[in-house]
PDB file of N, CA and C in Angstrom:
ATOM      1  N   MET A   1     -22.178 -32.726 -14.297  1.00  0.00           N
ATOM      2  CA  MET A   1     -20.918 -32.868 -13.606  1.00  0.00           C
ATOM      3  C   MET A   1     -19.775 -33.006 -14.607  1.00  0.00           C
ATOM      4  N   HIS A   2     -19.984 -33.816 -15.636  1.00  0.00           N
ATOM      5  CA  HIS A   2     -18.948 -34.036 -16.646  1.00  0.00           C
ATOM      6  C   HIS A   2     -18.686 -32.762 -17.444  1.00  0.00           C
ATOM      7  N   VAL A   3     -19.734 -32.018 -17.740  1.00  0.00           N
ATOM      8  CA  VAL A   3     -19.584 -30.769 -18.490  1.00  0.00           C
ATOM      9  C   VAL A   3     -18.836 -29.739 -17.652  1.00  0.00           C
ATOM     10  N   GLN A   4     -19.130 -29.680 -16.361  1.00  0.00           N
ATOM     11  CA  GLN A   4     -18.450 -28.728 -15.477  1.00  0.00           C
ATOM     12  C   GLN A   4     -16.959 -29.060 -15.376  1.00  0.00           C
ATOM     13  N   ARG A   5     -16.628 -30.336 -15.263  1.00  0.00           N
ATOM     14  CA  ARG A   5     -15.225 -30.744 -15.178  1.00  0.00           C
ATOM     15  C   ARG A   5     -14.499 -30.425 -16.482  1.00  0.00           C
ATOM     16  N   MET A   6     -15.185 -30.645 -17.608  1.00  0.00           N
ATOM     17  CA  MET A   6     -14.583 -30.352 -18.904  1.00  0.00           C
ATOM     18  C   MET A   6     -14.358 -28.848 -19.071  1.00  0.00           C
ATOM     19  N   LYS A   7     -15.317 -28.063 -18.605  1.00  0.00           N
ATOM     20  CA  LYS A   7     -15.185 -26.612 -18.666  1.00  0.00           C
ATOM     21  C   LYS A   7     -14.041 -26.141 -17.771  1.00  0.00           C
ATOM     22  N   ASN A   8     -13.900 -26.757 -16.604  1.00  0.00           N
ATOM     23  CA  ASN A   8     -12.826 -26.407 -15.685  1.00  0.00           C
ATOM     24  C   ASN A   8     -11.464 -26.777 -16.278  1.00  0.00           C
ATOM     25  N   ASN A   9     -11.364 -27.941 -16.923  1.00  0.00           N
ATOM     26  CA  ASN A   9     -10.109 -28.341 -17.560  1.00  0.00           C
ATOM     27  C   ASN A   9      -9.753 -27.398 -18.699  1.00  0.00           C
ATOM     28  N   LEU A  10     -10.739 -27.013 -19.491  1.00  0.00           N
ATOM     29  CA  LEU A  10     -10.502 -26.063 -20.577  1.00  0.00           C
ATOM     30  C   LEU A  10     -10.044 -24.723 -20.019  1.00  0.00           C
ATOM     31  N   ALA A  11     -10.630 -24.304 -18.926  1.00  0.00           N
ATOM     32  CA  ALA A  11     -10.237 -23.035 -18.309  1.00  0.00           C
ATOM     33  C   ALA A  11      -8.813 -23.109 -17.769  1.00  0.00           C
ATOM     34  N   GLN A  12      -8.428 -24.235 -17.201  1.00  0.00           N
ATOM     35  CA  GLN A  12      -7.055 -24.386 -16.711  1.00  0.00           C
ATOM     36  C   GLN A  12      -6.056 -24.328 -17.861  1.00  0.00           C
ATOM     37  N   ILE A  13      -6.405 -24.940 -18.975  1.00  0.00           N
ATOM     38  CA  ILE A  13      -5.543 -24.870 -20.155  1.00  0.00           C
ATOM     39  C   ILE A  13      -5.459 -23.429 -20.654  1.00  0.00           C
ATOM     40  N   CYS A  14      -6.581 -22.717 -20.615  1.00  0.00           N
ATOM     41  CA  CYS A  14      -6.592 -21.314 -21.041  1.00  0.00           C
ATOM     42  C   CYS A  14      -5.755 -20.437 -20.112  1.00  0.00           C
ATOM     43  N   VAL A  15      -5.741 -20.743 -18.823  1.00  0.00           N
ATOM     44  CA  VAL A  15      -4.899 -19.986 -17.886  1.00  0.00           C
ATOM     45  C   VAL A  15      -3.433 -20.161 -18.259  1.00  0.00           C
ATOM     46  N   VAL A  16      -3.022 -21.394 -18.482  1.00  0.00           N
ATOM     47  CA  VAL A  16      -1.626 -21.663 -18.834  1.00  0.00           C
ATOM     48  C   VAL A  16      -1.279 -21.005 -20.165  1.00  0.00           C
ATOM     49  N   PHE A  17      -2.145 -21.177 -21.155  1.00  0.00           N
ATOM     50  CA  PHE A  17      -1.894 -20.579 -22.466  1.00  0.00           C
ATOM     51  C   PHE A  17      -1.865 -19.054 -22.379  1.00  0.00           C
ATOM     52  N   GLY A  18      -2.782 -18.474 -21.633  1.00  0.00           N
ATOM     53  CA  GLY A  18      -2.824 -17.022 -21.488  1.00  0.00           C
ATOM     54  C   GLY A  18      -1.595 -16.471 -20.793  1.00  0.00           C
ATOM     55  N   LEU A  19      -1.129 -17.170 -19.747  1.00  0.00           N
ATOM     56  CA  LEU A  19       0.079 -16.716 -19.053  1.00  0.00           C
ATOM     57  C   LEU A  19       1.310 -16.818 -19.949  1.00  0.00           C
ATOM     58  N   PHE A  20       1.430 -17.920 -20.689  1.00  0.00           N
ATOM     59  CA  PHE A  20       2.551 -18.038 -21.621  1.00  0.00           C
ATOM     60  C   PHE A  20       2.482 -16.972 -22.705  1.00  0.00           C
ATOM     61  N   SER A  21       1.293 -16.676 -23.162  1.00  0.00           N
ATOM     62  CA  SER A  21       1.137 -15.644 -24.183  1.00  0.00           C
ATOM     63  C   SER A  21       1.481 -14.259 -23.633  1.00  0.00           C
ATOM     64  N   LEU A  22       1.121 -14.000 -22.380  1.00  0.00           N
ATOM     65  CA  LEU A  22       1.509 -12.729 -21.753  1.00  0.00           C
ATOM     66  C   LEU A  22       3.026 -12.627 -21.605  1.00  0.00           C
ATOM     67  N   ILE A  23       3.654 -13.710 -21.205  1.00  0.00           N
ATOM     68  CA  ILE A  23       5.115 -13.718 -21.090  1.00  0.00           C
ATOM     69  C   ILE A  23       5.748 -13.498 -22.463  1.00  0.00           C
ATOM     70  N   HIS A  24       5.169 -14.121 -23.490  1.00  0.00           N
ATOM     71  CA  HIS A  24       5.690 -13.937 -24.845  1.00  0.00           C
ATOM     72  C   HIS A  24       5.524 -12.492 -25.307  1.00  0.00           C
ATOM     73  N   ALA A  25       4.415 -11.871 -24.977  1.00  0.00           N
ATOM     74  CA  ALA A  25       4.210 -10.469 -25.351  1.00  0.00           C
ATOM     75  C   ALA A  25       5.222  -9.569 -24.650  1.00  0.00           C
ATOM     76  N   ALA A  26       5.504  -9.852 -23.396  1.00  0.00           N
ATOM     77  CA  ALA A  26       6.508  -9.063 -22.672  1.00  0.00           C
ATOM     78  C   ALA A  26       7.892  -9.270 -23.274  1.00  0.00           C
ATOM     79  N   TYR A  27       8.219 -10.503 -23.620  1.00  0.00           N
ATOM     80  CA  TYR A  27       9.508 -10.785 -24.249  1.00  0.00           C
ATOM     81  C   TYR A  27       9.601 -10.101 -25.612  1.00  0.00           C
ATOM     82  N   SER A  28       8.515 -10.129 -26.375  1.00  0.00           N
ATOM     83  CA  SER A  28       8.501  -9.461 -27.679  1.00  0.00           C
ATOM     84  C   SER A  28       8.692  -7.962 -27.531  1.00  0.00           C
ATOM     85  N   ALA A  29       8.092  -7.380 -26.513  1.00  0.00           N
ATOM     86  CA  ALA A  29       8.258  -5.942 -26.278  1.00  0.00           C
ATOM     87  C   ALA A  29       9.706  -5.619 -25.935  1.00  0.00           C
ATOM     88  N   ALA A  30      10.330  -6.457 -25.118  1.00  0.00           N
ATOM     89  CA  ALA A  30      11.736  -6.236 -24.768  1.00  0.00           C
ATOM     90  C   ALA A  30      12.629  -6.410 -25.992  1.00  0.00           C
ATOM     91  N   GLN A  31      12.344  -7.407 -26.808  1.00  0.00           N
ATOM     92  CA  GLN A  31      13.120  -7.615 -28.029  1.00  0.00           C
ATOM     93  C   GLN A  31      12.952  -6.451 -29.002  1.00  0.00           C
ATOM     94  N   HIS A  32      11.750  -5.937 -29.110  1.00  0.00           N
ATOM     95  CA  HIS A  32      11.502  -4.793 -29.996  1.00  0.00           C
ATOM     96  C   HIS A  32      12.293  -3.581 -29.520  1.00  0.00           C
ATOM     97  N   ARG A  33      12.311  -3.377 -28.240  1.00  0.00           N
ATOM     98  CA  ARG A  33      13.065  -2.244 -27.679  1.00  0.00           C
ATOM     99  C   ARG A  33      14.559  -2.407 -27.931  1.00  0.00           C
ATOM    100  N   ALA A  34      15.072  -3.623 -27.771  1.00  0.00           N
ATOM    101  CA  ALA A  34      16.489  -3.877 -28.036  1.00  0.00           C
ATOM    102  C   ALA A  34      16.805  -3.688 -29.519  1.00  0.00           C
ATOM    103  N   TYR A  35      15.890  -4.114 -30.380  1.00  0.00           N
ATOM    104  CA  TYR A  35      16.078  -3.932 -31.822  1.00  0.00           C
ATOM    105  C   TYR A  35      16.139  -2.450 -32.182  1.00  0.00           C
ATOM    106  N   LEU A  36      15.277  -1.654 -31.578  1.00  0.00           N
ATOM    107  CA  LEU A  36      15.294  -0.216 -31.856  1.00  0.00           C
ATOM    108  C   LEU A  36      16.601   0.426 -31.389  1.00  0.00           C
ATOM    109  N   ARG A  37      17.161  -0.057 -30.301  1.00  0.00           N
ATOM    110  CA  ARG A  37      18.456   0.471 -29.846  1.00  0.00           C
ATOM    111  C   ARG A  37      19.568   0.118 -30.833  1.00  0.00           C
ATOM    112  N   LEU A  38      19.502  -1.104 -31.381  1.00  0.00           N
ATOM    113  CA  LEU A  38      20.533  -1.524 -32.331  1.00  0.00           C
ATOM    114  C   LEU A  38      20.518  -0.680 -33.602  1.00  0.00           C
ATOM    115  N   ILE A  39      19.333  -0.363 -34.077  1.00  0.00           N
ATOM    116  CA  ILE A  39      19.257   0.440 -35.303  1.00  0.00           C
ATOM    117  C   ILE A  39      19.201   1.931 -34.998  1.00  0.00           C
ATOM    118  N   GLU A  40      19.380   2.264 -33.721  1.00  0.00           N
ATOM    119  CA  GLU A  40      19.481   3.649 -33.252  1.00  0.00           C
ATOM    120  C   GLU A  40      18.263   4.494 -33.627  1.00  0.00           C
ATOM    121  N   GLN A  41      17.102   3.950 -33.346  1.00  0.00           N
ATOM    122  CA  GLN A  41      15.862   4.702 -33.515  1.00  0.00           C
ATOM    123  C   GLN A  41      15.258   4.948 -32.139  1.00  0.00           C
ATOM    124  N   THR A  42      14.423   5.971 -32.064  1.00  0.00           N
ATOM    125  CA  THR A  42      13.778   6.275 -30.788  1.00  0.00           C
ATOM    126  C   THR A  42      12.587   5.350 -30.578  1.00  0.00           C
ATOM    127  N   PHE A  43      12.309   5.096 -29.312  1.00  0.00           N
ATOM    128  CA  PHE A  43      11.172   4.247 -28.956  1.00  0.00           C
ATOM    129  C   PHE A  43       9.959   5.144 -28.768  1.00  0.00           C
ATOM    130  N   ASP A  44       8.983   5.028 -29.661  1.00  0.00           N
ATOM    131  CA  ASP A  44       7.761   5.823 -29.557  1.00  0.00           C
ATOM    132  C   ASP A  44       6.626   5.000 -28.963  1.00  0.00           C
ATOM    133  N   TYR A  45       6.386   3.837 -29.527  1.00  0.00           N
ATOM    134  CA  TYR A  45       5.312   2.969 -29.048  1.00  0.00           C
ATOM    135  C   TYR A  45       5.578   1.550 -29.524  1.00  0.00           C
ATOM    136  N   LEU A  46       4.866   0.618 -28.927  1.00  0.00           N
ATOM    137  CA  LEU A  46       4.997  -0.782 -29.325  1.00  0.00           C
ATOM    138  C   LEU A  46       4.201  -1.035 -30.597  1.00  0.00           C
ATOM    139  N   PRO A  47       4.599  -2.021 -31.375  1.00  0.00           N
ATOM    140  CA  PRO A  47       3.799  -2.388 -32.547  1.00  0.00           C
ATOM    141  C   PRO A  47       2.418  -2.899 -32.129  1.00  0.00           C
ATOM    142  N   GLU A  48       1.480  -2.759 -33.034  1.00  0.00           N
ATOM    143  CA  GLU A  48       0.089  -3.132 -32.729  1.00  0.00           C
ATOM    144  C   GLU A  48      -0.062  -4.614 -32.416  1.00  0.00           C
ATOM    145  N   ASP A  49       0.709  -5.473 -33.082  1.00  0.00           N
ATOM    146  CA  ASP A  49       0.549  -6.909 -32.839  1.00  0.00           C
ATOM    147  C   ASP A  49       0.942  -7.297 -31.415  1.00  0.00           C
ATOM    148  N   ILE A  50       1.938  -6.633 -30.858  1.00  0.00           N
ATOM    149  CA  ILE A  50       2.330  -6.922 -29.472  1.00  0.00           C
ATOM    150  C   ILE A  50       1.263  -6.417 -28.507  1.00  0.00           C
ATOM    151  N   ILE A  51       0.711  -5.252 -28.777  1.00  0.00           N
ATOM    152  CA  ILE A  51      -0.342  -4.698 -27.915  1.00  0.00           C
ATOM    153  C   ILE A  51      -1.585  -5.578 -27.958  1.00  0.00           C
ATOM    154  N   VAL A  52      -1.979  -6.000 -29.162  1.00  0.00           N
ATOM    155  CA  VAL A  52      -3.164  -6.857 -29.297  1.00  0.00           C
ATOM    156  C   VAL A  52      -2.928  -8.200 -28.603  1.00  0.00           C
ATOM    157  N   GLN A  53      -1.739  -8.766 -28.775  1.00  0.00           N
ATOM    158  CA  GLN A  53      -1.437 -10.044 -28.119  1.00  0.00           C
ATOM    159  C   GLN A  53      -1.500  -9.909 -26.606  1.00  0.00           C
ATOM    160  N   ALA A  54      -0.966  -8.831 -26.076  1.00  0.00           N
ATOM    161  CA  ALA A  54      -0.981  -8.635 -24.625  1.00  0.00           C
ATOM    162  C   ALA A  54      -2.407  -8.468 -24.108  1.00  0.00           C
ATOM    163  N   LEU A  55      -3.226  -7.689 -24.801  1.00  0.00           N
ATOM    164  CA  LEU A  55      -4.604  -7.469 -24.348  1.00  0.00           C
ATOM    165  C   LEU A  55      -5.447  -8.738 -24.444  1.00  0.00           C
ATOM    166  N   VAL A  56      -5.331  -9.457 -25.553  1.00  0.00           N
ATOM    167  CA  VAL A  56      -6.101 -10.699 -25.701  1.00  0.00           C
ATOM    168  C   VAL A  56      -5.646 -11.730 -24.670  1.00  0.00           C
ATOM    169  N   SER A  57      -4.348 -11.810 -24.434  1.00  0.00           N
ATOM    170  CA  SER A  57      -3.833 -12.748 -23.430  1.00  0.00           C
ATOM    171  C   SER A  57      -4.330 -12.393 -22.039  1.00  0.00           C
ATOM    172  N   LEU A  58      -4.346 -11.106 -21.740  1.00  0.00           N
ATOM    173  CA  LEU A  58      -4.828 -10.666 -20.432  1.00  0.00           C
ATOM    174  C   LEU A  58      -6.303 -11.004 -20.248  1.00  0.00           C
ATOM    175  N   LEU A  59      -7.110 -10.707 -21.250  1.00  0.00           N
ATOM    176  CA  LEU A  59      -8.543 -11.009 -21.149  1.00  0.00           C
ATOM    177  C   LEU A  59      -8.797 -12.511 -21.043  1.00  0.00           C
ATOM    178  N   LEU A  60      -8.067 -13.298 -21.823  1.00  0.00           N
ATOM    179  CA  LEU A  60      -8.220 -14.753 -21.759  1.00  0.00           C
ATOM    180  C   LEU A  60      -7.837 -15.284 -20.381  1.00  0.00           C
ATOM    181  N   THR A  61      -6.745 -14.785 -19.842  1.00  0.00           N
ATOM    182  CA  THR A  61      -6.299 -15.238 -18.523  1.00  0.00           C
ATOM    183  C   THR A  61      -7.289 -14.834 -17.443  1.00  0.00           C
ATOM    184  N   LEU A  62      -7.796 -13.610 -17.503  1.00  0.00           N
ATOM    185  CA  LEU A  62      -8.777 -13.166 -16.505  1.00  0.00           C
ATOM    186  C   LEU A  62     -10.043 -14.008 -16.562  1.00  0.00           C
ATOM    187  N   TRP A  63     -10.545 -14.266 -17.762  1.00  0.00           N
ATOM    188  CA  TRP A  63     -11.746 -15.095 -17.900  1.00  0.00           C
ATOM    189  C   TRP A  63     -11.503 -16.496 -17.347  1.00  0.00           C
ATOM    190  N   ALA A  64     -10.374 -17.092 -17.710  1.00  0.00           N
ATOM    191  CA  ALA A  64     -10.097 -18.464 -17.291  1.00  0.00           C
ATOM    192  C   ALA A  64      -9.908 -18.568 -15.781  1.00  0.00           C
ATOM    193  N   VAL A  65      -9.287 -17.577 -15.184  1.00  0.00           N
ATOM    194  CA  VAL A  65      -9.094 -17.606 -13.727  1.00  0.00           C
ATOM    195  C   VAL A  65     -10.436 -17.517 -13.012  1.00  0.00           C
ATOM    196  N   THR A  66     -11.353 -16.714 -13.517  1.00  0.00           N
ATOM    197  CA  THR A  66     -12.668 -16.628 -12.873  1.00  0.00           C
ATOM    198  C   THR A  66     -13.453 -17.926 -13.027  1.00  0.00           C
ATOM    199  N   VAL A  67     -13.278 -18.624 -14.136  1.00  0.00           N
ATOM    200  CA  VAL A  67     -13.962 -19.908 -14.309  1.00  0.00           C
ATOM    201  C   VAL A  67     -13.354 -20.961 -13.384  1.00  0.00           C
ATOM    202  N   VAL A  68     -12.039 -20.987 -13.275  1.00  0.00           N
ATOM    203  CA  VAL A  68     -11.374 -21.969 -12.414  1.00  0.00           C
ATOM    204  C   VAL A  68     -11.708 -21.713 -10.950  1.00  0.00           C
ATOM    205  N   ALA A  69     -11.855 -20.447 -10.571  1.00  0.00           N
ATOM    206  CA  ALA A  69     -12.130 -20.108  -9.171  1.00  0.00           C
ATOM    207  C   ALA A  69     -13.485 -20.631  -8.719  1.00  0.00           C
ATOM    208  N   GLY A  70     -14.409 -20.802  -9.612  1.00  0.00           N
ATOM    209  CA  GLY A  70     -15.721 -21.327  -9.245  1.00  0.00           C
ATOM    210  C   GLY A  70     -16.700 -20.221  -8.909  1.00  0.00           C
ATOM    211  N   GLU A  71     -17.747 -20.603  -8.184  1.00  0.00           N
ATOM    212  CA  GLU A  71     -18.786 -19.648  -7.822  1.00  0.00           C
ATOM    213  C   GLU A  71     -18.257 -18.637  -6.822  1.00  0.00           C
ATOM    214  N   PHE A  72     -18.629 -17.393  -7.023  1.00  0.00           N
ATOM    215  CA  PHE A  72     -18.219 -16.346  -6.108  1.00  0.00           C
ATOM    216  C   PHE A  72     -19.099 -16.361  -4.870  1.00  0.00           C
ATOM    217  N   LYS A  73     -18.512 -16.012  -3.746  1.00  0.00           N
ATOM    218  CA  LYS A  73     -19.246 -15.938  -2.497  1.00  0.00           C
ATOM    219  C   LYS A  73     -19.870 -14.552  -2.384  1.00  0.00           C
ATOM    220  N   GLU A  74     -21.072 -14.506  -1.874  1.00  0.00           N
ATOM    221  CA  GLU A  74     -21.756 -13.238  -1.707  1.00  0.00           C
ATOM    222  C   GLU A  74     -21.068 -12.423  -0.616  1.00  0.00           C
ATOM    223  N   ILE A  75     -20.919 -11.127  -0.824  1.00  0.00           N
ATOM    224  CA  ILE A  75     -20.172 -10.308   0.127  1.00  0.00           C
ATOM    225  C   ILE A  75     -21.068  -9.376   0.934  1.00  0.00           C
ATOM    226  N   ARG A  76     -22.341  -9.604   0.921  1.00  0.00           N
ATOM    227  CA  ARG A  76     -23.218  -8.796   1.767  1.00  0.00           C
ATOM    228  C   ARG A  76     -23.016  -9.187   3.223  1.00  0.00           C
ATOM    229  N   ALA A  77     -23.065  -8.221   4.103  1.00  0.00           N
ATOM    230  CA  ALA A  77     -22.850  -8.483   5.529  1.00  0.00           C
ATOM    231  C   ALA A  77     -24.007  -9.269   6.137  1.00  0.00           C
ATOM    232  N   THR A  78     -25.187  -9.137   5.598  1.00  0.00           N
ATOM    233  CA  THR A  78     -26.347  -9.811   6.183  1.00  0.00           C
ATOM    234  C   THR A  78     -26.248 -11.324   6.076  1.00  0.00           C
ATOM    235  N   THR A  79     -25.608 -11.838   5.037  1.00  0.00           N
ATOM    236  CA  THR A  79     -25.494 -13.293   4.911  1.00  0.00           C
ATOM    237  C   THR A  79     -24.581 -13.875   5.981  1.00  0.00           C
ATOM    238  N   GLU A  80     -23.566 -13.135   6.397  1.00  0.00           N
ATOM    239  CA  GLU A  80     -22.665 -13.610   7.445  1.00  0.00           C
ATOM    240  C   GLU A  80     -23.278 -13.455   8.835  1.00  0.00           C
ATOM    241  N   LEU A  81     -24.114 -12.450   9.017  1.00  0.00           N
ATOM    242  CA  LEU A  81     -24.600 -12.111  10.350  1.00  0.00           C
ATOM    243  C   LEU A  81     -26.018 -12.581  10.639  1.00  0.00           C
ATOM    244  N   GLU A  82     -26.682 -13.223   9.705  1.00  0.00           N
ATOM    245  CA  GLU A  82     -28.093 -13.544   9.908  1.00  0.00           C
ATOM    246  C   GLU A  82     -28.328 -14.601  10.978  1.00  0.00           C
ATOM    247  N   ASN A  83     -27.362 -15.463  11.252  1.00  0.00           N
ATOM    248  CA  ASN A  83     -27.571 -16.478  12.282  1.00  0.00           C
ATOM    249  C   ASN A  83     -26.826 -16.160  13.576  1.00  0.00           C
ATOM    250  N   LYS A  84     -26.400 -14.913  13.759  1.00  0.00           N
ATOM    251  CA  LYS A  84     -25.732 -14.502  14.994  1.00  0.00           C
ATOM    252  C   LYS A  84     -26.623 -13.524  15.751  1.00  0.00           C
ATOM    253  N   SER A  85     -26.560 -13.596  17.077  1.00  0.00           N
ATOM    254  CA  SER A  85     -27.353 -12.674  17.884  1.00  0.00           C
ATOM    255  C   SER A  85     -26.614 -11.349  18.027  1.00  0.00           C
ATOM    256  N   PHE A  86     -27.316 -10.345  18.505  1.00  0.00           N
ATOM    257  CA  PHE A  86     -26.729  -9.016  18.653  1.00  0.00           C
ATOM    258  C   PHE A  86     -25.625  -9.006  19.704  1.00  0.00           C
ATOM    259  N   GLU A  87     -25.770  -9.820  20.750  1.00  0.00           N
ATOM    260  CA  GLU A  87     -24.758  -9.863  21.798  1.00  0.00           C
ATOM    261  C   GLU A  87     -23.430 -10.409  21.269  1.00  0.00           C
ATOM    262  N   VAL A  88     -23.496 -11.363  20.377  1.00  0.00           N
ATOM    263  CA  VAL A  88     -22.282 -11.946  19.813  1.00  0.00           C
ATOM    264  C   VAL A  88     -21.599 -10.956  18.872  1.00  0.00           C
ATOM    265  N   ILE A  89     -22.376 -10.182  18.149  1.00  0.00           N
ATOM    266  CA  ILE A  89     -21.810  -9.227  17.193  1.00  0.00           C
ATOM    267  C   ILE A  89     -21.039  -8.134  17.916  1.00  0.00           C
ATOM    268  N   GLY A  90     -21.596  -7.592  18.986  1.00  0.00           N
ATOM    269  CA  GLY A  90     -20.944  -6.503  19.694  1.00  0.00           C
ATOM    270  C   GLY A  90     -19.897  -6.941  20.690  1.00  0.00           C
ATOM    271  N   ASN A  91     -19.727  -8.223  20.900  1.00  0.00           N
ATOM    272  CA  ASN A  91     -18.786  -8.728  21.893  1.00  0.00           C
ATOM    273  C   ASN A  91     -17.380  -8.770  21.300  1.00  0.00           C
ATOM    274  N   ARG A  92     -16.495  -7.941  21.833  1.00  0.00           N
ATOM    275  CA  ARG A  92     -15.098  -7.908  21.385  1.00  0.00           C
ATOM    276  C   ARG A  92     -14.187  -8.023  22.607  1.00  0.00           C
ATOM    277  N   PRO A  93     -13.819  -9.232  23.006  1.00  0.00           N
ATOM    278  CA  PRO A  93     -13.010  -9.416  24.216  1.00  0.00           C
ATOM    279  C   PRO A  93     -11.651  -8.730  24.145  1.00  0.00           C
ATOM    280  N   SER A  94     -11.139  -8.486  22.978  1.00  0.00           N
ATOM    281  CA  SER A  94      -9.828  -7.845  22.888  1.00  0.00           C
ATOM    282  C   SER A  94      -9.877  -6.383  23.318  1.00  0.00           C
ATOM    283  N   PHE A  95     -11.071  -5.804  23.418  1.00  0.00           N
ATOM    284  CA  PHE A  95     -11.196  -4.418  23.845  1.00  0.00           C
ATOM    285  C   PHE A  95     -11.515  -4.283  25.333  1.00  0.00           C
ATOM    286  N   TYR A  96     -11.610  -5.397  26.053  1.00  0.00           N
ATOM    287  CA  TYR A  96     -11.877  -5.317  27.487  1.00  0.00           C
ATOM    288  C   TYR A  96     -10.676  -4.697  28.194  1.00  0.00           C
ATOM    289  N   THR A  97     -10.929  -3.756  29.094  1.00  0.00           N
ATOM    290  CA  THR A  97      -9.872  -3.117  29.875  1.00  0.00           C
ATOM    291  C   THR A  97     -10.218  -3.267  31.340  1.00  0.00           C
ATOM    292  N   PHE A  98      -9.296  -3.850  32.114  1.00  0.00           N
ATOM    293  CA  PHE A  98      -9.556  -4.071  33.522  1.00  0.00           C
ATOM    294  C   PHE A  98      -8.746  -3.150  34.422  1.00  0.00           C
ATOM    295  N   SER A  99      -7.729  -2.523  33.907  1.00  0.00           N
ATOM    296  CA  SER A  99      -6.977  -1.572  34.730  1.00  0.00           C
ATOM    297  C   SER A  99      -7.241  -0.176  34.176  1.00  0.00           C
ATOM    298  N   HIS A 100      -8.253   0.455  34.719  1.00  0.00           N
ATOM    299  CA  HIS A 100      -8.616   1.791  34.263  1.00  0.00           C
ATOM    300  C   HIS A 100      -8.828   2.684  35.482  1.00  0.00           C
ATOM    301  N   ARG A 101      -9.168   3.908  35.274  1.00  0.00           N
ATOM    302  CA  ARG A 101      -9.267   4.875  36.367  1.00  0.00           C
ATOM    303  C   ARG A 101     -10.482   4.656  37.263  1.00  0.00           C
ATOM    304  N   GLY A 102     -11.341   3.720  36.923  1.00  0.00           N
ATOM    305  CA  GLY A 102     -12.504   3.441  37.752  1.00  0.00           C
ATOM    306  C   GLY A 102     -12.132   2.965  39.141  1.00  0.00           C
ATOM    307  N   LYS A 103     -11.004   2.273  39.282  1.00  0.00           N
ATOM    308  CA  LYS A 103     -10.554   1.816  40.597  1.00  0.00           C
ATOM    309  C   LYS A 103     -10.215   3.000  41.497  1.00  0.00           C
ATOM    310  N   VAL A 104      -9.597   4.000  40.955  1.00  0.00           N
ATOM    311  CA  VAL A 104      -9.195   5.165  41.744  1.00  0.00           C
ATOM    312  C   VAL A 104     -10.417   5.946  42.195  1.00  0.00           C
ATOM    313  N   MET A 105     -11.425   6.009  41.380  1.00  0.00           N
ATOM    314  CA  MET A 105     -12.607   6.802  41.688  1.00  0.00           C
ATOM    315  C   MET A 105     -13.609   6.047  42.549  1.00  0.00           C
ATOM    316  N   SER A 106     -13.452   4.746  42.700  1.00  0.00           N
ATOM    317  CA  SER A 106     -14.393   3.942  43.461  1.00  0.00           C
ATOM    318  C   SER A 106     -14.119   4.071  44.959  1.00  0.00           C
ATOM    319  N   PRO A 107     -15.168   4.222  45.797  1.00  0.00           N
ATOM    320  CA  PRO A 107     -14.962   4.314  47.243  1.00  0.00           C
ATOM    321  C   PRO A 107     -14.607   2.964  47.866  1.00  0.00           C
ATOM    322  N   VAL A 108     -14.814   1.862  47.174  1.00  0.00           N
ATOM    323  CA  VAL A 108     -14.529   0.535  47.712  1.00  0.00           C
ATOM    324  C   VAL A 108     -13.029   0.319  47.843  1.00  0.00           C
ATOM    325  N   TYR A 109     -12.278   0.753  46.866  1.00  0.00           N
ATOM    326  CA  TYR A 109     -10.822   0.571  46.884  1.00  0.00           C
ATOM    327  C   TYR A 109     -10.161   1.733  47.607  1.00  0.00           C
ATOM    328  N   SER A 110      -9.207   1.425  48.422  1.00  0.00           N
ATOM    329  CA  SER A 110      -8.442   2.477  49.092  1.00  0.00           C
ATOM    330  C   SER A 110      -7.093   2.606  48.403  1.00  0.00           C
ATOM    331  N   GLN A 111      -6.327   3.570  48.805  1.00  0.00           N
ATOM    332  CA  GLN A 111      -5.029   3.810  48.195  1.00  0.00           C
ATOM    333  C   GLN A 111      -4.040   2.689  48.510  1.00  0.00           C
ATOM    334  N   ALA A 112      -4.272   1.908  49.552  1.00  0.00           N
ATOM    335  CA  ALA A 112      -3.356   0.825  49.919  1.00  0.00           C
ATOM    336  C   ALA A 112      -3.369  -0.285  48.877  1.00  0.00           C
ATOM    337  N   TYR A 113      -4.493  -0.504  48.221  1.00  0.00           N
ATOM    338  CA  TYR A 113      -4.579  -1.564  47.232  1.00  0.00           C
ATOM    339  C   TYR A 113      -3.990  -1.156  45.893  1.00  0.00           C
ATOM    340  N   LEU A 114      -3.802   0.113  45.683  1.00  0.00           N
ATOM    341  CA  LEU A 114      -3.271   0.576  44.407  1.00  0.00           C
ATOM    342  C   LEU A 114      -1.803   0.564  44.493  1.00  0.00           C
TER     343      LEU A 114
END
């Protein structure tokens, strides 16, 4: 329990650090672009250090978010439906229609009731 809490706290710190690092990489990219405009050079690509920082920050943030989220829930349909009967699965009350052409075709109802 203590190890799991410590791992979760470390992951939360990594999320914050990764997000700040991503913001810093975006700011650095904008600053680099502004610098190139000042010295009147064309923008071809970002420097490697900004690209590496952005990729490492993204990977760190993705890893930390998955750790903080906890165990993933299984998405197979059988796990959700194994304790339900077939009648419950096919029952959709929102699709019930009570005013349909069956009344007109039925001999029980006359035109006076319509």
